[in-house]
Amino acid sequence: MSRSTDSLIRELSRGLQPVRRVPPLHRVAALAAALALATAAIALVTWGLNETFRGLNPEPRYWVAIAGLLSFAAGGAAAALGSTVPGNDPLIRGGVAAMVAGAMLTLLGSALFLARISAGEPAGSFWSALSLVCLGRSSLVAIPAAALLTLFAARGFPHRPWLTVGFGTLGLVAFGALPVTMSCGSESIFHIVFAHVLAPATAGLGLWAVLWLLYALLRSRREQS
């Protein structure tokens, strides 16, 4: 009987690929945080602080926007990590809640900036060459950690992979907008709002598409191996 059972097991398991272990969430989270912080620090050292942040005493509207970007960034990374591996629903819900709170704060910060136009501060233009530079810089800071989360998602088992990649990408572009906001010397209200505070809604969507292609490529290679 035991030989028959062993034969049946060998027959059923023939051709199965070995199980690939997914790294622990806390290890990936720590590495992603280290990458994001290191990239942001290098960016600030390279670009320098603008006049507003050089004295470390910006107006409250800046702190509202920064709090929103930080909350959105942390929530996006948490939701991406949680949705990569099944069984982490509380982490996903907490991440999405932080993203919603961050989005509300960034909108409030944007409104506080826009309100200053009536007080005589320069409105500037919605789009310019500088806007493209700042949006590109936000994406540049986001790429290392966002690519890591995409790689982790490709090795995991996300239920909605396009959303998993989106969580991480948009969140890390929000984080990338922080050193840009602290270094860019433009005082144009429209530039600050649309090229800095709302960077996840602009540059984030473009980077999302790029990293989705990376995810699809990695997943295809994994299935073929």
N, C-alpha and C. Protein backbone atom coordinates (compact mmCIF):
# COMPACT_ATOMS: atom_id res chain seq x y z
N MET A 1 0.83 -1.21 0.00
CA MET A 1 0.00 0.00 0.00
C MET A 1 0.87 1.25 0.00
N SER A 2 1.95 1.26 0.79
CA SER A 2 2.80 2.43 0.87
C SER A 2 3.50 2.69 -0.46
N ARG A 3 3.90 1.59 -1.15
CA ARG A 3 4.53 1.77 -2.44
C ARG A 3 3.56 2.37 -3.45
N SER A 4 2.31 1.90 -3.40
CA SER A 4 1.30 2.44 -4.31
C SER A 4 1.07 3.92 -4.05
N THR A 5 1.04 4.30 -2.77
CA THR A 5 0.85 5.71 -2.41
C THR A 5 2.02 6.55 -2.87
N ASP A 6 3.24 6.04 -2.67
CA ASP A 6 4.43 6.77 -3.11
C ASP A 6 4.44 6.93 -4.62
N SER A 7 4.04 5.91 -5.32
CA SER A 7 3.99 5.99 -6.79
C SER A 7 2.99 7.03 -7.24
N LEU A 8 1.83 7.07 -6.56
CA LEU A 8 0.80 8.04 -6.90
C LEU A 8 1.29 9.46 -6.65
N ILE A 9 1.98 9.66 -5.56
CA ILE A 9 2.52 10.99 -5.24
C ILE A 9 3.53 11.41 -6.29
N ARG A 10 4.43 10.48 -6.68
CA ARG A 10 5.42 10.81 -7.70
C ARG A 10 4.76 11.14 -9.02
N GLU A 11 3.69 10.43 -9.34
CA GLU A 11 2.99 10.66 -10.60
C GLU A 11 2.31 12.03 -10.61
N LEU A 12 1.69 12.37 -9.48
CA LEU A 12 0.97 13.66 -9.39
C LEU A 12 1.93 14.84 -9.36
N SER A 13 3.10 14.65 -8.77
CA SER A 13 4.04 15.77 -8.61
C SER A 13 5.02 15.88 -9.78
N ARG A 14 4.92 14.98 -10.74
CA ARG A 14 5.85 15.02 -11.86
C ARG A 14 5.61 16.29 -12.68
N GLY A 15 6.66 16.99 -12.98
CA GLY A 15 6.54 18.20 -13.80
C GLY A 15 6.26 19.46 -13.02
N LEU A 16 6.01 19.34 -11.72
CA LEU A 16 5.75 20.54 -10.92
C LEU A 16 7.04 21.31 -10.70
N GLN A 17 6.94 22.64 -10.76
CA GLN A 17 8.08 23.49 -10.51
C GLN A 17 8.31 23.64 -9.01
N PRO A 18 9.55 23.78 -8.59
CA PRO A 18 9.82 23.97 -7.16
C PRO A 18 9.20 25.28 -6.66
N VAL A 19 8.80 25.29 -5.42
CA VAL A 19 8.18 26.47 -4.83
C VAL A 19 9.23 27.54 -4.60
N ARG A 20 8.90 28.78 -5.03
CA ARG A 20 9.81 29.91 -4.82
C ARG A 20 9.32 30.71 -3.62
N ARG A 21 10.17 30.85 -2.66
CA ARG A 21 9.79 31.56 -1.45
C ARG A 21 9.81 33.07 -1.71
N VAL A 22 8.79 33.76 -1.18
CA VAL A 22 8.71 35.21 -1.30
C VAL A 22 9.39 35.82 -0.08
N PRO A 23 10.25 36.82 -0.24
CA PRO A 23 10.92 37.43 0.90
C PRO A 23 9.90 37.98 1.90
N PRO A 24 10.21 38.02 3.18
CA PRO A 24 9.29 38.57 4.19
C PRO A 24 8.96 40.03 3.91
N LEU A 25 7.73 40.43 4.22
CA LEU A 25 7.29 41.79 3.94
C LEU A 25 8.15 42.82 4.65
N HIS A 26 8.51 42.55 5.91
CA HIS A 26 9.26 43.55 6.66
C HIS A 26 10.64 43.78 6.06
N ARG A 27 11.22 42.74 5.47
CA ARG A 27 12.54 42.90 4.86
C ARG A 27 12.44 43.75 3.59
N VAL A 28 11.42 43.50 2.78
CA VAL A 28 11.22 44.29 1.56
C VAL A 28 10.88 45.73 1.91
N ALA A 29 10.04 45.90 2.95
CA ALA A 29 9.67 47.25 3.38
C ALA A 29 10.89 48.04 3.84
N ALA A 30 11.76 47.39 4.61
CA ALA A 30 12.96 48.07 5.10
C ALA A 30 13.89 48.45 3.94
N LEU A 31 14.04 47.55 2.97
CA LEU A 31 14.90 47.84 1.83
C LEU A 31 14.32 48.97 0.98
N ALA A 32 12.99 48.95 0.76
CA ALA A 32 12.35 50.00 -0.02
C ALA A 32 12.49 51.35 0.68
N ALA A 33 12.30 51.36 2.00
CA ALA A 33 12.43 52.61 2.75
C ALA A 33 13.86 53.13 2.68
N ALA A 34 14.85 52.22 2.79
CA ALA A 34 16.25 52.64 2.71
C ALA A 34 16.57 53.22 1.33
N LEU A 35 16.06 52.58 0.28
CA LEU A 35 16.29 53.08 -1.08
C LEU A 35 15.67 54.47 -1.27
N ALA A 36 14.42 54.60 -0.81
CA ALA A 36 13.72 55.88 -0.98
C ALA A 36 14.42 57.00 -0.22
N LEU A 37 14.81 56.73 1.02
CA LEU A 37 15.48 57.76 1.82
C LEU A 37 16.85 58.11 1.25
N ALA A 38 17.59 57.11 0.81
CA ALA A 38 18.92 57.37 0.25
C ALA A 38 18.81 58.19 -1.03
N THR A 39 17.85 57.84 -1.88
CA THR A 39 17.68 58.57 -3.14
C THR A 39 17.26 60.01 -2.87
N ALA A 40 16.33 60.20 -1.91
CA ALA A 40 15.89 61.55 -1.57
C ALA A 40 17.03 62.38 -0.99
N ALA A 41 17.85 61.75 -0.15
CA ALA A 41 18.99 62.46 0.45
C ALA A 41 19.99 62.88 -0.61
N ILE A 42 20.27 61.98 -1.54
CA ILE A 42 21.20 62.31 -2.62
C ILE A 42 20.63 63.46 -3.46
N ALA A 43 19.32 63.42 -3.70
CA ALA A 43 18.68 64.47 -4.49
C ALA A 43 18.81 65.82 -3.80
N LEU A 44 18.56 65.86 -2.50
CA LEU A 44 18.64 67.13 -1.77
C LEU A 44 20.07 67.67 -1.72
N VAL A 45 21.03 66.77 -1.54
CA VAL A 45 22.43 67.20 -1.54
C VAL A 45 22.82 67.75 -2.91
N THR A 46 22.33 67.11 -3.96
CA THR A 46 22.66 67.52 -5.33
C THR A 46 21.97 68.81 -5.71
N TRP A 47 20.68 68.91 -5.40
CA TRP A 47 19.89 70.06 -5.83
C TRP A 47 19.94 71.22 -4.84
N GLY A 48 20.17 70.93 -3.57
CA GLY A 48 20.18 71.97 -2.54
C GLY A 48 18.78 72.37 -2.11
N LEU A 49 18.71 73.08 -0.99
CA LEU A 49 17.43 73.55 -0.46
C LEU A 49 17.10 74.92 -1.05
N ASN A 50 15.82 75.15 -1.31
CA ASN A 50 15.43 76.47 -1.79
C ASN A 50 15.34 77.45 -0.62
N GLU A 51 15.04 78.69 -0.91
CA GLU A 51 15.03 79.73 0.11
C GLU A 51 13.97 79.47 1.18
N THR A 52 12.85 78.89 0.77
CA THR A 52 11.76 78.61 1.72
C THR A 52 12.19 77.63 2.79
N PHE A 53 12.93 76.59 2.41
CA PHE A 53 13.29 75.54 3.36
C PHE A 53 14.69 75.70 3.95
N ARG A 54 15.43 76.66 3.44
CA ARG A 54 16.78 76.84 3.96
C ARG A 54 16.76 77.25 5.43
N GLY A 55 15.76 78.02 5.80
CA GLY A 55 15.63 78.43 7.19
C GLY A 55 14.79 77.49 8.03
N LEU A 56 14.30 76.39 7.40
CA LEU A 56 13.48 75.37 8.08
C LEU A 56 12.27 75.99 8.79
N ASN A 57 11.71 77.03 8.18
CA ASN A 57 10.55 77.68 8.77
C ASN A 57 9.53 78.06 7.69
N PRO A 58 9.10 77.06 6.87
CA PRO A 58 8.13 77.37 5.83
C PRO A 58 6.74 77.64 6.42
N GLU A 59 5.88 78.22 5.62
CA GLU A 59 4.52 78.52 6.06
C GLU A 59 3.72 77.23 6.25
N PRO A 60 2.64 77.30 7.04
CA PRO A 60 1.84 76.09 7.32
C PRO A 60 1.35 75.36 6.07
N ARG A 61 1.05 76.09 4.99
CA ARG A 61 0.55 75.43 3.77
C ARG A 61 1.56 74.41 3.25
N TYR A 62 2.86 74.69 3.42
CA TYR A 62 3.88 73.73 2.99
C TYR A 62 3.82 72.47 3.85
N TRP A 63 3.65 72.65 5.16
CA TRP A 63 3.61 71.50 6.04
C TRP A 63 2.37 70.64 5.79
N VAL A 64 1.25 71.29 5.44
CA VAL A 64 0.04 70.53 5.10
C VAL A 64 0.30 69.67 3.86
N ALA A 65 0.91 70.29 2.85
CA ALA A 65 1.21 69.55 1.62
C ALA A 65 2.20 68.43 1.89
N ILE A 66 3.23 68.69 2.68
CA ILE A 66 4.23 67.67 2.99
C ILE A 66 3.61 66.51 3.78
N ALA A 67 2.75 66.84 4.74
CA ALA A 67 2.08 65.79 5.50
C ALA A 67 1.23 64.92 4.58
N GLY A 68 0.55 65.57 3.63
CA GLY A 68 -0.26 64.81 2.68
C GLY A 68 0.57 63.90 1.81
N LEU A 69 1.69 64.40 1.29
CA LEU A 69 2.56 63.59 0.45
C LEU A 69 3.16 62.42 1.23
N LEU A 70 3.56 62.67 2.48
CA LEU A 70 4.12 61.59 3.31
C LEU A 70 3.08 60.51 3.60
N SER A 71 1.87 60.93 3.95
CA SER A 71 0.80 59.97 4.24
C SER A 71 0.46 59.16 3.00
N PHE A 72 0.36 59.83 1.86
CA PHE A 72 0.05 59.14 0.61
C PHE A 72 1.17 58.16 0.25
N ALA A 73 2.42 58.58 0.45
CA ALA A 73 3.56 57.72 0.13
C ALA A 73 3.59 56.48 1.01
N ALA A 74 3.44 56.67 2.32
CA ALA A 74 3.46 55.52 3.23
C ALA A 74 2.30 54.58 2.96
N GLY A 75 1.13 55.15 2.71
CA GLY A 75 -0.03 54.32 2.42
C GLY A 75 0.12 53.54 1.14
N GLY A 76 0.65 54.18 0.09
CA GLY A 76 0.83 53.49 -1.18
C GLY A 76 1.80 52.33 -1.07
N ALA A 77 2.92 52.54 -0.37
CA ALA A 77 3.90 51.46 -0.19
C ALA A 77 3.31 50.31 0.62
N ALA A 78 2.56 50.66 1.68
CA ALA A 78 1.96 49.62 2.53
C ALA A 78 0.92 48.82 1.75
N ALA A 79 0.08 49.50 0.98
CA ALA A 79 -0.94 48.80 0.20
C ALA A 79 -0.30 47.92 -0.88
N ALA A 80 0.78 48.40 -1.49
CA ALA A 80 1.48 47.60 -2.50
C ALA A 80 2.06 46.34 -1.89
N LEU A 81 2.73 46.49 -0.76
CA LEU A 81 3.32 45.33 -0.09
C LEU A 81 2.25 44.35 0.36
N GLY A 82 1.19 44.87 0.98
CA GLY A 82 0.14 44.00 1.49
C GLY A 82 -0.59 43.25 0.40
N SER A 83 -0.81 43.88 -0.75
CA SER A 83 -1.57 43.23 -1.81
C SER A 83 -0.73 42.28 -2.66
N THR A 84 0.58 42.24 -2.42
CA THR A 84 1.44 41.32 -3.16
C THR A 84 1.28 39.89 -2.68
N VAL A 85 1.05 39.73 -1.39
CA VAL A 85 0.92 38.40 -0.78
C VAL A 85 -0.46 38.28 -0.15
N PRO A 86 -1.23 37.24 -0.46
CA PRO A 86 -2.57 37.08 0.13
C PRO A 86 -2.53 37.00 1.66
N GLY A 87 -3.61 37.43 2.29
CA GLY A 87 -3.73 37.33 3.73
C GLY A 87 -3.31 38.57 4.49
N ASN A 88 -3.13 39.68 3.79
CA ASN A 88 -2.71 40.92 4.45
C ASN A 88 -3.76 42.03 4.29
N ASP A 89 -5.02 41.64 4.41
CA ASP A 89 -6.10 42.61 4.21
C ASP A 89 -6.02 43.81 5.16
N PRO A 90 -5.70 43.61 6.45
CA PRO A 90 -5.60 44.79 7.33
C PRO A 90 -4.53 45.78 6.87
N LEU A 91 -3.41 45.28 6.37
CA LEU A 91 -2.35 46.16 5.88
C LEU A 91 -2.82 46.92 4.64
N ILE A 92 -3.54 46.24 3.77
CA ILE A 92 -4.06 46.89 2.56
C ILE A 92 -5.05 47.98 2.94
N ARG A 93 -5.98 47.66 3.85
CA ARG A 93 -6.99 48.66 4.25
C ARG A 93 -6.33 49.86 4.92
N GLY A 94 -5.34 49.60 5.77
CA GLY A 94 -4.62 50.71 6.41
C GLY A 94 -3.88 51.56 5.40
N GLY A 95 -3.26 50.91 4.41
CA GLY A 95 -2.55 51.65 3.38
C GLY A 95 -3.48 52.51 2.54
N VAL A 96 -4.62 51.94 2.15
CA VAL A 96 -5.57 52.71 1.35
C VAL A 96 -6.13 53.88 2.16
N ALA A 97 -6.41 53.65 3.45
CA ALA A 97 -6.90 54.73 4.30
C ALA A 97 -5.88 55.86 4.40
N ALA A 98 -4.60 55.49 4.52
CA ALA A 98 -3.54 56.51 4.58
C ALA A 98 -3.44 57.26 3.26
N MET A 99 -3.64 56.56 2.14
CA MET A 99 -3.61 57.23 0.84
C MET A 99 -4.77 58.22 0.71
N VAL A 100 -5.94 57.82 1.17
CA VAL A 100 -7.11 58.72 1.10
C VAL A 100 -6.87 59.95 1.96
N ALA A 101 -6.36 59.73 3.19
CA ALA A 101 -6.06 60.86 4.07
C ALA A 101 -4.99 61.76 3.44
N GLY A 102 -3.97 61.15 2.84
CA GLY A 102 -2.93 61.93 2.20
C GLY A 102 -3.47 62.73 1.02
N ALA A 103 -4.35 62.12 0.24
CA ALA A 103 -4.94 62.83 -0.90
C ALA A 103 -5.74 64.03 -0.43
N MET A 104 -6.49 63.87 0.66
CA MET A 104 -7.28 64.99 1.19
C MET A 104 -6.38 66.11 1.68
N LEU A 105 -5.27 65.76 2.33
CA LEU A 105 -4.34 66.78 2.81
C LEU A 105 -3.65 67.50 1.66
N THR A 106 -3.28 66.76 0.62
CA THR A 106 -2.64 67.42 -0.52
C THR A 106 -3.62 68.34 -1.23
N LEU A 107 -4.88 67.94 -1.30
CA LEU A 107 -5.88 68.84 -1.90
C LEU A 107 -6.07 70.08 -1.04
N LEU A 108 -6.07 69.89 0.27
CA LEU A 108 -6.18 71.04 1.17
C LEU A 108 -4.96 71.95 1.01
N GLY A 109 -3.78 71.35 0.96
CA GLY A 109 -2.57 72.14 0.75
C GLY A 109 -2.61 72.89 -0.57
N SER A 110 -3.09 72.22 -1.61
CA SER A 110 -3.22 72.88 -2.92
C SER A 110 -4.16 74.06 -2.84
N ALA A 111 -5.28 73.88 -2.14
CA ALA A 111 -6.25 74.98 -1.99
C ALA A 111 -5.63 76.16 -1.24
N LEU A 112 -4.83 75.86 -0.23
CA LEU A 112 -4.17 76.93 0.52
C LEU A 112 -3.18 77.70 -0.35
N PHE A 113 -2.49 76.99 -1.23
CA PHE A 113 -1.58 77.67 -2.17
C PHE A 113 -2.37 78.52 -3.16
N LEU A 114 -3.40 77.93 -3.75
CA LEU A 114 -4.17 78.65 -4.77
C LEU A 114 -4.85 79.88 -4.20
N ALA A 115 -5.20 79.81 -2.92
CA ALA A 115 -5.86 80.97 -2.29
C ALA A 115 -4.92 82.17 -2.21
N ARG A 116 -3.61 81.92 -2.27
CA ARG A 116 -2.65 83.01 -2.17
C ARG A 116 -2.55 83.83 -3.46
N ILE A 117 -3.13 83.34 -4.54
CA ILE A 117 -3.11 84.11 -5.78
C ILE A 117 -3.88 85.41 -5.61
N SER A 118 -5.00 85.31 -4.90
CA SER A 118 -5.81 86.53 -4.67
C SER A 118 -5.08 87.51 -3.76
N ALA A 119 -4.08 87.03 -3.03
CA ALA A 119 -3.32 87.92 -2.14
C ALA A 119 -2.13 88.56 -2.87
N GLY A 120 -1.99 88.25 -4.16
CA GLY A 120 -0.96 88.90 -4.95
C GLY A 120 0.26 88.06 -5.25
N GLU A 121 0.30 86.81 -4.79
CA GLU A 121 1.43 85.96 -5.12
C GLU A 121 1.36 85.54 -6.59
N PRO A 122 2.50 85.34 -7.26
CA PRO A 122 2.49 85.05 -8.70
C PRO A 122 1.82 83.72 -9.02
N ALA A 123 0.88 83.76 -9.96
CA ALA A 123 0.18 82.53 -10.35
C ALA A 123 1.03 81.70 -11.30
N GLY A 124 1.71 82.36 -12.24
CA GLY A 124 2.51 81.62 -13.21
C GLY A 124 1.64 80.86 -14.19
N SER A 125 2.21 79.83 -14.81
CA SER A 125 1.48 79.03 -15.79
C SER A 125 1.36 77.59 -15.31
N PHE A 126 0.37 76.89 -15.87
CA PHE A 126 0.16 75.51 -15.47
C PHE A 126 1.34 74.63 -15.88
N TRP A 127 1.81 74.79 -17.12
CA TRP A 127 2.86 73.92 -17.63
C TRP A 127 3.99 74.75 -18.19
N SER A 128 5.19 74.28 -18.02
CA SER A 128 6.39 74.94 -18.54
C SER A 128 7.49 73.90 -18.60
N ALA A 129 8.61 74.31 -19.16
CA ALA A 129 9.77 73.40 -19.19
C ALA A 129 10.19 73.02 -17.78
N LEU A 130 10.10 73.97 -16.85
CA LEU A 130 10.47 73.68 -15.47
C LEU A 130 9.52 72.66 -14.85
N SER A 131 8.24 72.73 -15.23
CA SER A 131 7.28 71.74 -14.71
C SER A 131 7.69 70.33 -15.12
N LEU A 132 8.09 70.17 -16.37
CA LEU A 132 8.53 68.86 -16.84
C LEU A 132 9.79 68.40 -16.10
N VAL A 133 10.69 69.34 -15.82
CA VAL A 133 11.90 69.00 -15.08
C VAL A 133 11.54 68.50 -13.68
N CYS A 134 10.66 69.22 -12.99
CA CYS A 134 10.30 68.84 -11.61
C CYS A 134 9.54 67.52 -11.58
N LEU A 135 8.64 67.31 -12.53
CA LEU A 135 7.92 66.03 -12.58
C LEU A 135 8.88 64.89 -12.89
N GLY A 136 9.84 65.15 -13.76
CA GLY A 136 10.84 64.13 -14.04
C GLY A 136 11.68 63.80 -12.83
N ARG A 137 12.01 64.84 -12.05
CA ARG A 137 12.80 64.61 -10.85
C ARG A 137 12.03 63.79 -9.81
N SER A 138 10.74 64.06 -9.67
CA SER A 138 9.92 63.27 -8.74
C SER A 138 9.93 61.81 -9.14
N SER A 139 9.81 61.55 -10.44
CA SER A 139 9.84 60.17 -10.93
C SER A 139 11.23 59.55 -10.72
N LEU A 140 12.27 60.34 -10.94
CA LEU A 140 13.63 59.84 -10.79
C LEU A 140 13.90 59.37 -9.36
N VAL A 141 13.45 60.15 -8.38
CA VAL A 141 13.62 59.76 -6.99
C VAL A 141 12.81 58.51 -6.67
N ALA A 142 11.66 58.37 -7.31
CA ALA A 142 10.76 57.25 -7.01
C ALA A 142 11.22 55.93 -7.62
N ILE A 143 11.97 55.98 -8.72
CA ILE A 143 12.24 54.78 -9.51
C ILE A 143 12.90 53.64 -8.72
N PRO A 144 13.98 53.85 -7.95
CA PRO A 144 14.62 52.69 -7.30
C PRO A 144 13.68 51.90 -6.39
N ALA A 145 12.99 52.58 -5.48
CA ALA A 145 12.10 51.86 -4.56
C ALA A 145 10.88 51.33 -5.28
N ALA A 146 10.34 52.08 -6.25
CA ALA A 146 9.17 51.62 -6.99
C ALA A 146 9.50 50.39 -7.83
N ALA A 147 10.69 50.36 -8.42
CA ALA A 147 11.11 49.19 -9.18
C ALA A 147 11.27 47.97 -8.27
N LEU A 148 11.77 48.20 -7.05
CA LEU A 148 11.89 47.10 -6.08
C LEU A 148 10.52 46.51 -5.75
N LEU A 149 9.53 47.38 -5.49
CA LEU A 149 8.18 46.89 -5.18
C LEU A 149 7.57 46.17 -6.38
N THR A 150 7.87 46.64 -7.58
CA THR A 150 7.37 45.96 -8.78
C THR A 150 7.99 44.58 -8.91
N LEU A 151 9.29 44.47 -8.65
CA LEU A 151 9.97 43.18 -8.68
C LEU A 151 9.38 42.23 -7.64
N PHE A 152 9.11 42.77 -6.45
CA PHE A 152 8.50 41.95 -5.39
C PHE A 152 7.12 41.48 -5.80
N ALA A 153 6.34 42.36 -6.43
CA ALA A 153 5.00 41.98 -6.89
C ALA A 153 5.07 40.89 -7.94
N ALA A 154 6.07 40.95 -8.82
CA ALA A 154 6.22 39.94 -9.87
C ALA A 154 6.57 38.58 -9.28
N ARG A 155 7.19 38.57 -8.11
CA ARG A 155 7.54 37.31 -7.45
C ARG A 155 6.42 36.82 -6.54
N GLY A 156 5.47 37.69 -6.26
CA GLY A 156 4.39 37.35 -5.35
C GLY A 156 3.14 36.87 -6.06
N PHE A 157 2.00 37.08 -5.40
CA PHE A 157 0.74 36.58 -5.93
C PHE A 157 -0.36 37.65 -5.79
N PRO A 158 -0.16 38.82 -6.44
CA PRO A 158 -1.17 39.88 -6.30
C PRO A 158 -2.47 39.51 -7.00
N HIS A 159 -3.60 39.84 -6.35
CA HIS A 159 -4.92 39.55 -6.94
C HIS A 159 -5.22 40.50 -8.08
N ARG A 160 -4.88 41.77 -7.90
CA ARG A 160 -5.03 42.77 -8.95
C ARG A 160 -3.67 43.43 -9.16
N PRO A 161 -2.81 42.82 -9.96
CA PRO A 161 -1.43 43.30 -10.07
C PRO A 161 -1.32 44.73 -10.57
N TRP A 162 -2.20 45.14 -11.48
CA TRP A 162 -2.11 46.51 -11.99
C TRP A 162 -2.33 47.52 -10.87
N LEU A 163 -3.20 47.15 -9.90
CA LEU A 163 -3.46 48.04 -8.78
C LEU A 163 -2.30 47.98 -7.78
N THR A 164 -1.72 46.81 -7.59
CA THR A 164 -0.56 46.68 -6.71
C THR A 164 0.59 47.55 -7.20
N VAL A 165 0.88 47.47 -8.49
CA VAL A 165 1.94 48.30 -9.07
C VAL A 165 1.58 49.78 -8.95
N GLY A 166 0.30 50.10 -9.14
CA GLY A 166 -0.14 51.49 -9.03
C GLY A 166 0.00 52.04 -7.63
N PHE A 167 -0.36 51.26 -6.63
CA PHE A 167 -0.20 51.71 -5.24
C PHE A 167 1.24 52.14 -4.97
N GLY A 168 2.18 51.24 -5.28
CA GLY A 168 3.57 51.52 -5.00
C GLY A 168 4.11 52.69 -5.81
N THR A 169 3.75 52.73 -7.09
CA THR A 169 4.27 53.78 -7.96
C THR A 169 3.78 55.16 -7.55
N LEU A 170 2.46 55.32 -7.39
CA LEU A 170 1.91 56.62 -7.04
C LEU A 170 2.42 57.07 -5.67
N GLY A 171 2.51 56.11 -4.73
CA GLY A 171 3.01 56.47 -3.40
C GLY A 171 4.44 56.95 -3.43
N LEU A 172 5.27 56.29 -4.21
CA LEU A 172 6.69 56.67 -4.22
C LEU A 172 6.94 57.92 -5.05
N VAL A 173 6.10 58.20 -6.04
CA VAL A 173 6.21 59.49 -6.72
C VAL A 173 5.83 60.62 -5.75
N ALA A 174 4.85 60.36 -4.88
CA ALA A 174 4.51 61.35 -3.85
C ALA A 174 5.71 61.61 -2.95
N PHE A 175 6.42 60.55 -2.60
CA PHE A 175 7.62 60.73 -1.78
C PHE A 175 8.70 61.47 -2.58
N GLY A 176 8.82 61.16 -3.85
CA GLY A 176 9.80 61.83 -4.69
C GLY A 176 9.52 63.31 -4.85
N ALA A 177 8.26 63.70 -4.70
CA ALA A 177 7.90 65.12 -4.81
C ALA A 177 8.41 65.93 -3.63
N LEU A 178 8.74 65.29 -2.52
CA LEU A 178 9.20 66.02 -1.33
C LEU A 178 10.53 66.73 -1.56
N PRO A 179 11.61 66.03 -1.99
CA PRO A 179 12.85 66.77 -2.24
C PRO A 179 12.72 67.79 -3.36
N VAL A 180 11.82 67.54 -4.31
CA VAL A 180 11.60 68.51 -5.38
C VAL A 180 10.98 69.78 -4.81
N THR A 181 9.98 69.62 -3.94
CA THR A 181 9.34 70.77 -3.31
C THR A 181 10.32 71.56 -2.46
N MET A 182 11.24 70.86 -1.82
CA MET A 182 12.19 71.51 -0.93
C MET A 182 13.39 72.13 -1.65
N SER A 183 13.54 71.81 -2.94
CA SER A 183 14.71 72.31 -3.67
C SER A 183 14.36 73.29 -4.78
N CYS A 184 13.20 73.15 -5.38
CA CYS A 184 12.84 74.01 -6.52
C CYS A 184 12.65 75.46 -6.04
N GLY A 185 13.22 76.39 -6.78
CA GLY A 185 13.14 77.79 -6.38
C GLY A 185 11.98 78.56 -6.96
N SER A 186 11.13 77.91 -7.76
CA SER A 186 10.00 78.61 -8.38
C SER A 186 8.99 79.05 -7.31
N GLU A 187 8.48 80.26 -7.45
CA GLU A 187 7.46 80.78 -6.55
C GLU A 187 6.09 80.83 -7.23
N SER A 188 6.00 80.29 -8.43
CA SER A 188 4.73 80.24 -9.15
C SER A 188 3.77 79.29 -8.45
N ILE A 189 2.60 79.79 -8.11
CA ILE A 189 1.62 78.97 -7.37
C ILE A 189 1.18 77.77 -8.21
N PHE A 190 0.86 78.00 -9.48
CA PHE A 190 0.42 76.89 -10.32
C PHE A 190 1.52 75.84 -10.47
N HIS A 191 2.75 76.28 -10.56
CA HIS A 191 3.86 75.33 -10.67
C HIS A 191 3.99 74.49 -9.41
N ILE A 192 3.95 75.15 -8.26
CA ILE A 192 4.07 74.42 -6.99
C ILE A 192 2.96 73.39 -6.84
N VAL A 193 1.74 73.79 -7.19
CA VAL A 193 0.59 72.90 -7.01
C VAL A 193 0.63 71.72 -7.98
N PHE A 194 0.78 72.01 -9.28
CA PHE A 194 0.64 70.95 -10.27
C PHE A 194 1.92 70.17 -10.54
N ALA A 195 3.08 70.78 -10.35
CA ALA A 195 4.34 70.07 -10.61
C ALA A 195 4.97 69.50 -9.35
N HIS A 196 4.49 69.92 -8.17
CA HIS A 196 5.04 69.42 -6.92
C HIS A 196 3.98 68.65 -6.12
N VAL A 197 3.01 69.37 -5.59
CA VAL A 197 2.04 68.77 -4.67
C VAL A 197 1.20 67.68 -5.34
N LEU A 198 0.82 67.91 -6.58
CA LEU A 198 -0.03 66.94 -7.28
C LEU A 198 0.76 66.07 -8.25
N ALA A 199 2.06 65.91 -8.01
CA ALA A 199 2.90 65.10 -8.90
C ALA A 199 2.40 63.66 -9.06
N PRO A 200 1.86 63.00 -8.02
CA PRO A 200 1.37 61.62 -8.23
C PRO A 200 0.28 61.53 -9.29
N ALA A 201 -0.51 62.59 -9.45
CA ALA A 201 -1.60 62.56 -10.43
C ALA A 201 -1.12 62.86 -11.84
N THR A 202 0.13 63.25 -12.00
CA THR A 202 0.66 63.56 -13.33
C THR A 202 1.83 62.64 -13.64
N ALA A 203 2.97 62.89 -13.04
CA ALA A 203 4.14 62.04 -13.28
C ALA A 203 3.88 60.61 -12.81
N GLY A 204 3.11 60.46 -11.76
CA GLY A 204 2.85 59.13 -11.22
C GLY A 204 2.15 58.21 -12.21
N LEU A 205 1.23 58.76 -13.00
CA LEU A 205 0.51 57.94 -13.96
C LEU A 205 1.44 57.44 -15.07
N GLY A 206 2.35 58.31 -15.51
CA GLY A 206 3.30 57.89 -16.54
C GLY A 206 4.24 56.81 -16.06
N LEU A 207 4.76 56.97 -14.84
CA LEU A 207 5.66 55.96 -14.30
C LEU A 207 4.93 54.66 -14.02
N TRP A 208 3.66 54.75 -13.64
CA TRP A 208 2.83 53.56 -13.43
C TRP A 208 2.80 52.72 -14.70
N ALA A 209 2.57 53.37 -15.85
CA ALA A 209 2.51 52.64 -17.12
C ALA A 209 3.84 51.96 -17.42
N VAL A 210 4.95 52.65 -17.15
CA VAL A 210 6.26 52.07 -17.42
C VAL A 210 6.52 50.85 -16.53
N LEU A 211 6.21 50.98 -15.24
CA LEU A 211 6.47 49.87 -14.32
C LEU A 211 5.49 48.72 -14.52
N TRP A 212 4.31 49.03 -15.04
CA TRP A 212 3.38 47.94 -15.38
C TRP A 212 3.97 47.07 -16.50
N LEU A 213 4.61 47.71 -17.47
CA LEU A 213 5.28 46.96 -18.53
C LEU A 213 6.42 46.12 -17.95
N LEU A 214 7.16 46.70 -16.98
CA LEU A 214 8.22 45.94 -16.32
C LEU A 214 7.64 44.74 -15.59
N TYR A 215 6.53 44.94 -14.89
CA TYR A 215 5.89 43.83 -14.17
C TYR A 215 5.48 42.73 -15.15
N ALA A 216 4.86 43.11 -16.27
CA ALA A 216 4.41 42.13 -17.25
C ALA A 216 5.59 41.33 -17.80
N LEU A 217 6.71 42.01 -18.06
CA LEU A 217 7.89 41.34 -18.57
C LEU A 217 8.45 40.35 -17.55
N LEU A 218 8.57 40.80 -16.29
CA LEU A 218 9.09 39.92 -15.24
C LEU A 218 8.18 38.72 -15.01
N ARG A 219 6.88 38.95 -15.05
CA ARG A 219 5.93 37.87 -14.83
C ARG A 219 5.99 36.86 -15.97
N SER A 220 6.14 37.37 -17.19
CA SER A 220 6.21 36.48 -18.34
C SER A 220 7.45 35.60 -18.26
N ARG A 221 8.58 36.18 -17.86
CA ARG A 221 9.81 35.40 -17.73
C ARG A 221 9.68 34.36 -16.63
N ARG A 222 9.00 34.72 -15.55
CA ARG A 222 8.83 33.78 -14.45
C ARG A 222 7.98 32.59 -14.88
N GLU A 223 6.93 32.85 -15.64
CA GLU A 223 6.05 31.76 -16.08
C GLU A 223 6.72 30.86 -17.09
N GLN A 224 7.67 31.40 -17.85
CA GLN A 224 8.36 30.60 -18.86
C GLN A 224 9.50 29.78 -18.28
N SER A 225 10.00 30.20 -17.10
CA SER A 225 11.13 29.48 -16.50
C SER A 225 10.68 28.23 -15.75
